[in-house]
Amino acid sequence: MTIERTEKSASIYFYATIDDYRAVLSCVDDEVGAKYVPFGQRRSRIMETYDSMLELPGLGHSVYGDTNKEPSWQIVDRSYEPEILERTLSDGSKTFTANLTHQLRFTPSGEYNGCAIIVGQLSFLSEDEKVFWRFNQYFNKIKKIFSKTRVYWIGPDALKLFDSGMRFTHATQMPEAYNLARPRKG
């Protein structure tokens, strides 16, 4: 099983296209009462939130070709209103971040410039049982529909691209030796 769990955390890694999100994962949003809040610092105090994965800007597309640079989202209860924290930088400008604890972090997988699919991740760091329950709701959907290759889960539409030879990677700058490949037989 690819779930790495300690008392406080778990992560899964996956490759998916917009069609995989539409067909498989978006139906979990209503089941778990999800709201998506931007992860990380922003230049504006106003943080747009979304009640559906399908509303997320650029879902299914990679902006940078590197999973570490891609936008991430915090998945929280729909009723939760995050406290916005303000930080003054040394140049006097301000940044803002949502003060959220006990949430899931979602970094979508996506296609980059028609040449690669960048890996996505769903993870949490929390002792809250509700967070683990929410994580399992998403993971159970993935296990039912996605295919497993090594420690990665691949959505049905992404699997077609993988079989056709599209590059699956963490970052396009990485050497091709680090691309996802099927396990060798025998």
N, C-alpha and C. Protein backbone atom coordinates (compact mmCIF):
# COMPACT_ATOMS: atom_id res chain seq x y z
N MET A 1 0.85 -1.17 0.00
CA MET A 1 0.00 0.00 0.00
C MET A 1 0.89 1.24 0.00
N THR A 2 0.49 2.31 -0.69
CA THR A 2 1.35 3.48 -0.81
C THR A 2 1.07 4.54 0.24
N ILE A 3 0.19 4.28 1.15
CA ILE A 3 -0.08 5.27 2.18
C ILE A 3 1.03 5.20 3.22
N GLU A 4 1.67 6.33 3.45
CA GLU A 4 2.72 6.41 4.45
C GLU A 4 2.10 7.10 5.65
N ARG A 5 1.91 6.37 6.76
CA ARG A 5 1.20 6.96 7.88
C ARG A 5 1.99 6.79 9.17
N THR A 6 2.12 7.88 9.89
CA THR A 6 2.59 7.84 11.26
C THR A 6 1.38 8.25 12.10
N GLU A 7 1.59 8.54 13.34
CA GLU A 7 0.48 8.98 14.17
C GLU A 7 -0.10 10.31 13.70
N LYS A 8 0.69 11.08 12.95
CA LYS A 8 0.27 12.44 12.63
C LYS A 8 0.23 12.78 11.15
N SER A 9 0.62 11.88 10.25
CA SER A 9 0.67 12.29 8.85
C SER A 9 0.44 11.13 7.89
N ALA A 10 0.06 11.49 6.67
CA ALA A 10 -0.09 10.51 5.58
C ALA A 10 0.01 11.27 4.27
N SER A 11 0.50 10.58 3.23
CA SER A 11 0.63 11.17 1.90
C SER A 11 0.35 10.13 0.83
N ILE A 12 -0.26 10.57 -0.26
CA ILE A 12 -0.35 9.75 -1.46
C ILE A 12 0.08 10.62 -2.64
N TYR A 13 0.65 9.95 -3.64
CA TYR A 13 1.13 10.63 -4.84
C TYR A 13 0.38 10.07 -6.04
N PHE A 14 -0.01 10.94 -6.95
CA PHE A 14 -0.84 10.49 -8.06
C PHE A 14 -0.59 11.32 -9.31
N TYR A 15 -1.00 10.75 -10.44
CA TYR A 15 -0.98 11.44 -11.73
C TYR A 15 -2.42 11.45 -12.23
N ALA A 16 -2.90 12.63 -12.62
CA ALA A 16 -4.29 12.75 -13.07
C ALA A 16 -4.43 13.86 -14.10
N THR A 17 -5.43 13.71 -14.95
CA THR A 17 -5.79 14.75 -15.91
C THR A 17 -7.09 15.41 -15.44
N ILE A 18 -7.50 16.45 -16.13
CA ILE A 18 -8.76 17.10 -15.79
C ILE A 18 -9.92 16.12 -15.89
N ASP A 19 -9.88 15.22 -16.87
CA ASP A 19 -10.96 14.23 -17.00
C ASP A 19 -10.98 13.26 -15.82
N ASP A 20 -9.81 12.93 -15.27
CA ASP A 20 -9.77 12.08 -14.08
C ASP A 20 -10.40 12.79 -12.89
N TYR A 21 -10.11 14.08 -12.75
CA TYR A 21 -10.71 14.84 -11.66
C TYR A 21 -12.22 14.90 -11.82
N ARG A 22 -12.68 15.14 -13.03
CA ARG A 22 -14.13 15.22 -13.28
C ARG A 22 -14.82 13.90 -12.96
N ALA A 23 -14.24 12.81 -13.42
CA ALA A 23 -14.88 11.50 -13.31
C ALA A 23 -14.79 10.90 -11.92
N VAL A 24 -13.74 11.19 -11.21
CA VAL A 24 -13.47 10.42 -10.01
C VAL A 24 -13.51 11.24 -8.74
N LEU A 25 -12.67 12.24 -8.66
CA LEU A 25 -12.44 12.87 -7.37
C LEU A 25 -13.42 13.96 -6.99
N SER A 26 -13.98 14.65 -7.97
CA SER A 26 -14.85 15.78 -7.63
C SER A 26 -16.10 15.35 -6.86
N CYS A 27 -16.54 14.10 -7.04
CA CYS A 27 -17.74 13.64 -6.33
C CYS A 27 -17.50 13.54 -4.82
N VAL A 28 -16.25 13.52 -4.39
CA VAL A 28 -15.95 13.43 -2.96
C VAL A 28 -16.21 14.76 -2.27
N ASP A 29 -16.11 15.86 -3.00
CA ASP A 29 -16.27 17.19 -2.40
C ASP A 29 -17.54 17.31 -1.57
N ASP A 30 -18.68 16.92 -2.14
CA ASP A 30 -19.94 17.03 -1.42
C ASP A 30 -20.03 16.03 -0.28
N GLU A 31 -19.47 14.85 -0.48
CA GLU A 31 -19.50 13.82 0.57
C GLU A 31 -18.78 14.29 1.83
N VAL A 32 -17.68 14.98 1.66
CA VAL A 32 -16.88 15.41 2.82
C VAL A 32 -17.13 16.87 3.20
N GLY A 33 -17.93 17.58 2.43
CA GLY A 33 -18.20 18.99 2.72
C GLY A 33 -16.95 19.83 2.62
N ALA A 34 -16.25 19.71 1.49
CA ALA A 34 -14.94 20.34 1.32
C ALA A 34 -15.01 21.78 0.87
N LYS A 35 -14.05 22.54 1.35
CA LYS A 35 -13.78 23.89 0.86
C LYS A 35 -12.28 23.95 0.60
N TYR A 36 -11.88 24.59 -0.50
CA TYR A 36 -10.48 24.71 -0.89
C TYR A 36 -10.01 26.13 -0.64
N VAL A 37 -8.94 26.26 0.15
CA VAL A 37 -8.36 27.55 0.51
C VAL A 37 -6.92 27.56 0.01
N PRO A 38 -6.45 28.65 -0.60
CA PRO A 38 -5.07 28.68 -1.10
C PRO A 38 -4.06 28.40 0.02
N PHE A 39 -3.03 27.64 -0.31
CA PHE A 39 -1.96 27.33 0.63
C PHE A 39 -0.79 28.27 0.36
N GLY A 40 -0.18 28.80 1.41
CA GLY A 40 1.00 29.64 1.24
C GLY A 40 0.67 31.12 1.30
N GLN A 41 1.68 31.92 1.11
CA GLN A 41 1.54 33.36 1.23
C GLN A 41 0.99 33.99 -0.04
N ARG A 42 0.19 35.03 0.16
CA ARG A 42 -0.41 35.78 -0.93
C ARG A 42 -0.14 37.26 -0.71
N ARG A 43 -0.27 38.05 -1.76
CA ARG A 43 -0.08 39.50 -1.67
C ARG A 43 -1.37 40.23 -1.31
N SER A 44 -2.49 39.52 -1.29
CA SER A 44 -3.79 40.13 -1.00
C SER A 44 -4.41 39.48 0.23
N ARG A 45 -5.08 40.31 1.03
CA ARG A 45 -5.79 39.80 2.20
C ARG A 45 -7.00 38.95 1.77
N ILE A 46 -7.51 39.21 0.59
CA ILE A 46 -8.69 38.48 0.10
C ILE A 46 -8.24 37.14 -0.45
N MET A 47 -8.78 36.07 0.09
CA MET A 47 -8.44 34.72 -0.36
C MET A 47 -9.70 34.09 -0.94
N GLU A 48 -9.66 33.84 -2.23
CA GLU A 48 -10.79 33.15 -2.84
C GLU A 48 -10.82 31.72 -2.36
N THR A 49 -11.99 31.25 -2.01
CA THR A 49 -12.16 29.85 -1.63
C THR A 49 -13.10 29.20 -2.62
N TYR A 50 -13.04 27.88 -2.71
CA TYR A 50 -13.84 27.14 -3.68
C TYR A 50 -14.49 25.95 -3.00
N ASP A 51 -15.74 25.67 -3.35
CA ASP A 51 -16.48 24.54 -2.77
C ASP A 51 -16.35 23.27 -3.60
N SER A 52 -15.67 23.34 -4.71
CA SER A 52 -15.50 22.17 -5.57
C SER A 52 -14.10 22.16 -6.15
N MET A 53 -13.53 20.98 -6.21
CA MET A 53 -12.24 20.80 -6.83
C MET A 53 -12.25 21.31 -8.27
N LEU A 54 -13.36 21.10 -8.97
CA LEU A 54 -13.45 21.49 -10.37
C LEU A 54 -13.41 22.99 -10.59
N GLU A 55 -13.63 23.78 -9.54
CA GLU A 55 -13.57 25.23 -9.64
C GLU A 55 -12.14 25.77 -9.52
N LEU A 56 -11.20 24.94 -9.10
CA LEU A 56 -9.84 25.41 -8.85
C LEU A 56 -9.21 25.91 -10.15
N PRO A 57 -8.61 27.10 -10.13
CA PRO A 57 -7.98 27.64 -11.34
C PRO A 57 -6.87 26.72 -11.86
N GLY A 58 -6.92 26.42 -13.15
CA GLY A 58 -5.87 25.63 -13.78
C GLY A 58 -5.85 24.16 -13.43
N LEU A 59 -6.89 23.64 -12.81
CA LEU A 59 -6.91 22.23 -12.44
C LEU A 59 -6.63 21.35 -13.65
N GLY A 60 -5.73 20.39 -13.49
CA GLY A 60 -5.37 19.49 -14.57
C GLY A 60 -4.24 19.99 -15.45
N HIS A 61 -3.72 21.19 -15.12
CA HIS A 61 -2.62 21.77 -15.88
C HIS A 61 -1.53 22.20 -14.92
N SER A 62 -0.30 21.94 -15.28
CA SER A 62 0.84 22.36 -14.48
C SER A 62 1.30 23.73 -14.98
N VAL A 63 1.54 24.64 -14.06
CA VAL A 63 1.98 25.99 -14.41
C VAL A 63 3.49 26.04 -14.63
N TYR A 64 4.24 25.35 -13.78
CA TYR A 64 5.69 25.48 -13.77
C TYR A 64 6.45 24.23 -14.22
N GLY A 65 5.77 23.11 -14.35
CA GLY A 65 6.46 21.87 -14.69
C GLY A 65 7.27 21.32 -13.54
N ASP A 66 6.91 21.70 -12.31
CA ASP A 66 7.63 21.27 -11.11
C ASP A 66 6.65 21.21 -9.95
N THR A 67 6.46 20.02 -9.40
CA THR A 67 5.46 19.86 -8.35
C THR A 67 5.73 20.74 -7.13
N ASN A 68 6.99 21.06 -6.86
CA ASN A 68 7.32 21.90 -5.70
C ASN A 68 6.95 23.36 -5.90
N LYS A 69 6.71 23.78 -7.13
CA LYS A 69 6.36 25.17 -7.41
C LYS A 69 4.87 25.36 -7.72
N GLU A 70 4.15 24.26 -7.88
CA GLU A 70 2.74 24.35 -8.27
C GLU A 70 1.87 24.88 -7.13
N PRO A 71 0.76 25.53 -7.47
CA PRO A 71 -0.17 25.99 -6.43
C PRO A 71 -0.73 24.81 -5.64
N SER A 72 -0.87 25.01 -4.34
CA SER A 72 -1.46 23.99 -3.47
C SER A 72 -2.68 24.57 -2.77
N TRP A 73 -3.51 23.68 -2.29
CA TRP A 73 -4.76 24.07 -1.65
C TRP A 73 -4.89 23.34 -0.33
N GLN A 74 -5.53 23.99 0.63
CA GLN A 74 -5.87 23.35 1.89
C GLN A 74 -7.34 22.96 1.80
N ILE A 75 -7.63 21.73 2.13
CA ILE A 75 -9.02 21.25 2.10
C ILE A 75 -9.53 21.27 3.54
N VAL A 76 -10.55 22.07 3.78
CA VAL A 76 -11.12 22.24 5.12
C VAL A 76 -12.63 22.02 5.05
N ASP A 77 -13.28 22.01 6.22
CA ASP A 77 -14.74 21.95 6.26
C ASP A 77 -15.32 23.18 5.58
N ARG A 78 -16.41 22.99 4.84
CA ARG A 78 -17.04 24.12 4.14
C ARG A 78 -17.46 25.23 5.07
N SER A 79 -17.83 24.89 6.28
CA SER A 79 -18.31 25.91 7.23
C SER A 79 -17.17 26.72 7.86
N TYR A 80 -15.94 26.28 7.68
CA TYR A 80 -14.81 26.92 8.34
C TYR A 80 -14.40 28.20 7.62
N GLU A 81 -14.24 29.27 8.37
CA GLU A 81 -13.75 30.53 7.82
C GLU A 81 -12.34 30.76 8.36
N PRO A 82 -11.35 30.75 7.49
CA PRO A 82 -9.97 30.88 7.97
C PRO A 82 -9.65 32.27 8.49
N GLU A 83 -8.82 32.32 9.51
CA GLU A 83 -8.28 33.58 10.00
C GLU A 83 -7.13 33.95 9.06
N ILE A 84 -7.10 35.21 8.62
CA ILE A 84 -6.05 35.66 7.72
C ILE A 84 -4.96 36.34 8.55
N LEU A 85 -3.74 35.81 8.42
CA LEU A 85 -2.59 36.38 9.12
C LEU A 85 -1.83 37.32 8.20
N GLU A 86 -1.39 38.44 8.74
CA GLU A 86 -0.65 39.46 7.99
C GLU A 86 0.81 39.46 8.45
N ARG A 87 1.72 39.55 7.49
CA ARG A 87 3.15 39.59 7.81
C ARG A 87 3.78 40.75 7.04
N THR A 88 4.53 41.59 7.75
CA THR A 88 5.23 42.71 7.11
C THR A 88 6.65 42.26 6.78
N LEU A 89 7.02 42.41 5.52
CA LEU A 89 8.35 42.03 5.06
C LEU A 89 9.35 43.16 5.30
N SER A 90 10.63 42.88 5.15
CA SER A 90 11.67 43.88 5.42
C SER A 90 11.57 45.11 4.51
N ASP A 91 10.99 44.94 3.32
CA ASP A 91 10.83 46.09 2.41
C ASP A 91 9.56 46.88 2.69
N GLY A 92 8.81 46.48 3.74
CA GLY A 92 7.58 47.18 4.10
C GLY A 92 6.33 46.62 3.47
N SER A 93 6.47 45.78 2.46
CA SER A 93 5.29 45.18 1.84
C SER A 93 4.70 44.12 2.77
N LYS A 94 3.49 43.72 2.47
CA LYS A 94 2.80 42.76 3.33
C LYS A 94 2.44 41.50 2.54
N THR A 95 2.45 40.38 3.25
CA THR A 95 1.93 39.13 2.69
C THR A 95 0.88 38.60 3.65
N PHE A 96 0.01 37.75 3.11
CA PHE A 96 -1.09 37.22 3.89
C PHE A 96 -1.16 35.71 3.70
N THR A 97 -1.57 35.03 4.74
CA THR A 97 -1.74 33.58 4.66
C THR A 97 -2.92 33.18 5.52
N ALA A 98 -3.58 32.10 5.14
CA ALA A 98 -4.69 31.58 5.94
C ALA A 98 -4.12 30.77 7.09
N ASN A 99 -4.56 31.06 8.29
CA ASN A 99 -4.11 30.33 9.47
C ASN A 99 -5.01 29.12 9.67
N LEU A 100 -4.60 28.02 9.10
CA LEU A 100 -5.40 26.80 9.18
C LEU A 100 -4.58 25.68 9.81
N THR A 101 -5.21 24.96 10.69
CA THR A 101 -4.59 23.75 11.23
C THR A 101 -5.55 22.60 10.98
N HIS A 102 -5.06 21.41 11.06
CA HIS A 102 -5.90 20.22 10.89
C HIS A 102 -6.59 20.20 9.54
N GLN A 103 -5.83 20.30 8.48
CA GLN A 103 -6.39 20.29 7.15
C GLN A 103 -5.61 19.34 6.25
N LEU A 104 -6.19 19.05 5.11
CA LEU A 104 -5.49 18.32 4.07
C LEU A 104 -4.80 19.32 3.17
N ARG A 105 -3.67 18.93 2.61
CA ARG A 105 -3.01 19.74 1.59
C ARG A 105 -3.12 19.00 0.27
N PHE A 106 -3.59 19.70 -0.74
CA PHE A 106 -3.82 19.12 -2.06
C PHE A 106 -3.00 19.90 -3.08
N THR A 107 -2.07 19.21 -3.72
CA THR A 107 -1.31 19.78 -4.83
C THR A 107 -1.73 19.00 -6.07
N PRO A 108 -2.51 19.59 -6.96
CA PRO A 108 -3.01 18.85 -8.12
C PRO A 108 -1.90 18.40 -9.07
N SER A 109 -2.12 17.27 -9.67
CA SER A 109 -1.30 16.80 -10.78
C SER A 109 -1.79 17.51 -12.03
N GLY A 110 -0.93 17.62 -13.04
CA GLY A 110 -1.40 18.26 -14.25
C GLY A 110 -0.45 18.11 -15.42
N GLU A 111 -1.00 18.38 -16.59
CA GLU A 111 -0.23 18.31 -17.83
C GLU A 111 0.55 19.60 -18.02
N TYR A 112 1.81 19.45 -18.40
CA TYR A 112 2.67 20.60 -18.62
C TYR A 112 3.05 20.69 -20.09
N ASN A 113 2.58 21.73 -20.77
CA ASN A 113 2.94 22.03 -22.17
C ASN A 113 2.82 20.84 -23.11
N GLY A 114 1.92 19.92 -22.84
CA GLY A 114 1.70 18.78 -23.72
C GLY A 114 2.84 17.78 -23.75
N CYS A 115 3.84 17.94 -22.85
CA CYS A 115 4.99 17.04 -22.91
C CYS A 115 5.17 16.19 -21.66
N ALA A 116 4.46 16.51 -20.58
CA ALA A 116 4.65 15.75 -19.35
C ALA A 116 3.43 15.90 -18.44
N ILE A 117 3.27 14.93 -17.57
CA ILE A 117 2.30 15.03 -16.48
C ILE A 117 3.13 15.15 -15.20
N ILE A 118 2.83 16.19 -14.42
CA ILE A 118 3.54 16.44 -13.17
C ILE A 118 2.76 15.80 -12.03
N VAL A 119 3.45 15.16 -11.12
CA VAL A 119 2.82 14.42 -10.03
C VAL A 119 2.05 15.36 -9.10
N GLY A 120 0.99 14.84 -8.50
CA GLY A 120 0.21 15.55 -7.50
C GLY A 120 0.34 14.84 -6.16
N GLN A 121 -0.12 15.51 -5.12
CA GLN A 121 -0.02 14.94 -3.79
C GLN A 121 -1.21 15.34 -2.94
N LEU A 122 -1.66 14.41 -2.11
CA LEU A 122 -2.67 14.67 -1.09
C LEU A 122 -2.04 14.23 0.22
N SER A 123 -1.98 15.14 1.19
CA SER A 123 -1.30 14.81 2.44
C SER A 123 -1.92 15.56 3.60
N PHE A 124 -1.59 15.11 4.81
CA PHE A 124 -1.99 15.84 6.00
C PHE A 124 -0.97 15.64 7.10
N LEU A 125 -0.99 16.56 8.04
CA LEU A 125 -0.19 16.49 9.24
C LEU A 125 -1.10 16.94 10.36
N SER A 126 -1.70 15.97 11.06
CA SER A 126 -2.69 16.31 12.07
C SER A 126 -3.01 15.08 12.91
N GLU A 127 -3.43 15.33 14.13
CA GLU A 127 -3.93 14.25 14.99
C GLU A 127 -5.45 14.19 14.97
N ASP A 128 -6.08 15.11 14.26
CA ASP A 128 -7.53 15.20 14.20
C ASP A 128 -8.10 14.04 13.39
N GLU A 129 -8.95 13.24 14.00
CA GLU A 129 -9.53 12.07 13.33
C GLU A 129 -10.40 12.47 12.14
N LYS A 130 -11.03 13.64 12.19
CA LYS A 130 -11.87 14.08 11.07
C LYS A 130 -11.01 14.34 9.82
N VAL A 131 -9.82 14.85 10.02
CA VAL A 131 -8.91 15.08 8.90
C VAL A 131 -8.51 13.75 8.29
N PHE A 132 -8.20 12.77 9.14
CA PHE A 132 -7.83 11.45 8.62
C PHE A 132 -9.02 10.81 7.90
N TRP A 133 -10.23 10.99 8.43
CA TRP A 133 -11.44 10.47 7.77
C TRP A 133 -11.59 11.11 6.39
N ARG A 134 -11.42 12.43 6.30
CA ARG A 134 -11.56 13.13 5.02
C ARG A 134 -10.50 12.64 4.03
N PHE A 135 -9.26 12.50 4.51
CA PHE A 135 -8.18 11.97 3.69
C PHE A 135 -8.57 10.61 3.12
N ASN A 136 -9.10 9.74 3.96
CA ASN A 136 -9.49 8.39 3.52
C ASN A 136 -10.61 8.42 2.50
N GLN A 137 -11.51 9.39 2.57
CA GLN A 137 -12.60 9.48 1.58
C GLN A 137 -12.01 9.70 0.19
N TYR A 138 -11.04 10.61 0.09
CA TYR A 138 -10.38 10.84 -1.20
C TYR A 138 -9.55 9.61 -1.60
N PHE A 139 -8.78 9.08 -0.67
CA PHE A 139 -7.91 7.95 -0.98
C PHE A 139 -8.70 6.72 -1.42
N ASN A 140 -9.84 6.47 -0.78
CA ASN A 140 -10.66 5.32 -1.16
C ASN A 140 -11.18 5.44 -2.59
N LYS A 141 -11.55 6.64 -3.01
CA LYS A 141 -11.97 6.85 -4.41
C LYS A 141 -10.80 6.58 -5.36
N ILE A 142 -9.64 7.08 -4.99
CA ILE A 142 -8.46 6.87 -5.83
C ILE A 142 -8.16 5.38 -5.96
N LYS A 143 -8.18 4.66 -4.86
CA LYS A 143 -7.88 3.22 -4.89
C LYS A 143 -8.86 2.44 -5.77
N LYS A 144 -10.12 2.86 -5.80
CA LYS A 144 -11.13 2.15 -6.58
C LYS A 144 -10.96 2.34 -8.08
N ILE A 145 -10.55 3.51 -8.51
CA ILE A 145 -10.56 3.85 -9.92
C ILE A 145 -9.17 3.97 -10.53
N PHE A 146 -8.22 4.49 -9.79
CA PHE A 146 -6.88 4.68 -10.32
C PHE A 146 -6.11 3.37 -10.31
N SER A 147 -5.09 3.28 -11.15
CA SER A 147 -4.20 2.11 -11.21
C SER A 147 -2.93 2.43 -10.43
N LYS A 148 -2.38 1.41 -9.80
CA LYS A 148 -1.16 1.62 -9.02
C LYS A 148 0.06 1.17 -9.81
N THR A 149 1.06 2.03 -9.88
CA THR A 149 2.36 1.70 -10.47
C THR A 149 3.41 2.18 -9.49
N ARG A 150 4.15 1.24 -8.95
CA ARG A 150 5.13 1.53 -7.90
C ARG A 150 4.40 2.19 -6.73
N VAL A 151 4.81 3.37 -6.30
CA VAL A 151 4.13 4.03 -5.18
C VAL A 151 3.16 5.11 -5.66
N TYR A 152 2.87 5.14 -6.95
CA TYR A 152 2.02 6.18 -7.53
C TYR A 152 0.69 5.60 -7.98
N TRP A 153 -0.33 6.45 -7.95
CA TRP A 153 -1.65 6.11 -8.46
C TRP A 153 -1.86 6.91 -9.73
N ILE A 154 -2.38 6.26 -10.77
CA ILE A 154 -2.57 6.90 -12.07
C ILE A 154 -4.04 6.83 -12.46
N GLY A 155 -4.63 8.00 -12.74
CA GLY A 155 -6.02 8.07 -13.15
C GLY A 155 -6.22 7.41 -14.50
N PRO A 156 -7.47 6.99 -14.81
CA PRO A 156 -7.74 6.26 -16.06
C PRO A 156 -7.35 7.03 -17.32
N ASP A 157 -7.62 8.33 -17.36
CA ASP A 157 -7.26 9.12 -18.54
C ASP A 157 -5.74 9.34 -18.59
N ALA A 158 -5.14 9.59 -17.44
CA ALA A 158 -3.68 9.75 -17.39
C ALA A 158 -2.99 8.45 -17.79
N LEU A 159 -3.58 7.31 -17.45
CA LEU A 159 -2.99 6.02 -17.81
C LEU A 159 -2.88 5.87 -19.33
N LYS A 160 -3.85 6.37 -20.06
CA LYS A 160 -3.78 6.33 -21.53
C LYS A 160 -2.58 7.14 -22.02
N LEU A 161 -2.35 8.29 -21.42
CA LEU A 161 -1.20 9.11 -21.80
C LEU A 161 0.11 8.43 -21.41
N PHE A 162 0.12 7.78 -20.25
CA PHE A 162 1.31 7.05 -19.80
C PHE A 162 1.63 5.92 -20.78
N ASP A 163 0.60 5.17 -21.18
CA ASP A 163 0.79 4.06 -22.12
C ASP A 163 1.24 4.54 -23.50
N SER A 164 0.86 5.78 -23.84
CA SER A 164 1.27 6.32 -25.15
C SER A 164 2.69 6.92 -25.11
N GLY A 165 3.30 6.92 -23.93
CA GLY A 165 4.68 7.37 -23.83
C GLY A 165 4.90 8.75 -23.26
N MET A 166 3.83 9.42 -22.80
CA MET A 166 4.03 10.74 -22.22
C MET A 166 4.88 10.62 -20.95
N ARG A 167 5.69 11.62 -20.73
CA ARG A 167 6.59 11.65 -19.58
C ARG A 167 5.79 11.93 -18.30
N PHE A 168 6.01 11.13 -17.26
CA PHE A 168 5.43 11.33 -15.94
C PHE A 168 6.59 11.60 -14.98
N THR A 169 6.58 12.76 -14.33
CA THR A 169 7.74 13.17 -13.54
C THR A 169 7.33 14.12 -12.41
N HIS A 170 8.27 14.38 -11.52
CA HIS A 170 8.07 15.38 -10.47
C HIS A 170 8.37 16.77 -11.00
N ALA A 171 9.33 16.86 -11.94
CA ALA A 171 9.71 18.15 -12.51
C ALA A 171 10.36 17.92 -13.87
N THR A 172 10.03 18.75 -14.83
CA THR A 172 10.59 18.58 -16.18
C THR A 172 12.09 18.83 -16.20
N GLN A 173 12.63 19.53 -15.21
CA GLN A 173 14.07 19.78 -15.16
C GLN A 173 14.85 18.55 -14.68
N MET A 174 14.16 17.58 -14.11
CA MET A 174 14.84 16.38 -13.61
C MET A 174 15.30 15.51 -14.78
N PRO A 175 16.40 14.80 -14.62
CA PRO A 175 16.83 13.87 -15.67
C PRO A 175 15.75 12.82 -15.93
N GLU A 176 15.67 12.38 -17.16
CA GLU A 176 14.63 11.41 -17.54
C GLU A 176 14.76 10.09 -16.79
N ALA A 177 15.93 9.82 -16.23
CA ALA A 177 16.12 8.60 -15.42
C ALA A 177 15.18 8.58 -14.22
N TYR A 178 14.66 9.76 -13.82
CA TYR A 178 13.76 9.84 -12.68
C TYR A 178 12.28 9.81 -13.07
N ASN A 179 12.00 9.66 -14.34
CA ASN A 179 10.61 9.55 -14.79
C ASN A 179 9.97 8.30 -14.21
N LEU A 180 8.66 8.33 -14.08
CA LEU A 180 7.94 7.13 -13.69
C LEU A 180 8.04 6.11 -14.81
N ALA A 181 8.33 4.88 -14.46
CA ALA A 181 8.39 3.80 -15.44
C ALA A 181 7.71 2.58 -14.83
N ARG A 182 7.19 1.75 -15.68
CA ARG A 182 6.57 0.53 -15.17
C ARG A 182 7.66 -0.39 -14.60
N PRO A 183 7.31 -1.14 -13.57
CA PRO A 183 8.28 -2.10 -13.05
C PRO A 183 8.68 -3.11 -14.10
N ARG A 184 9.95 -3.47 -14.12
CA ARG A 184 10.42 -4.49 -15.07
C ARG A 184 9.91 -5.85 -14.65
N LYS A 185 9.51 -6.63 -15.63
CA LYS A 185 9.02 -7.99 -15.35
C LYS A 185 10.19 -8.97 -15.36
N GLY A 186 10.11 -9.93 -14.42
CA GLY A 186 11.02 -11.05 -14.39
C GLY A 186 12.37 -10.69 -14.06
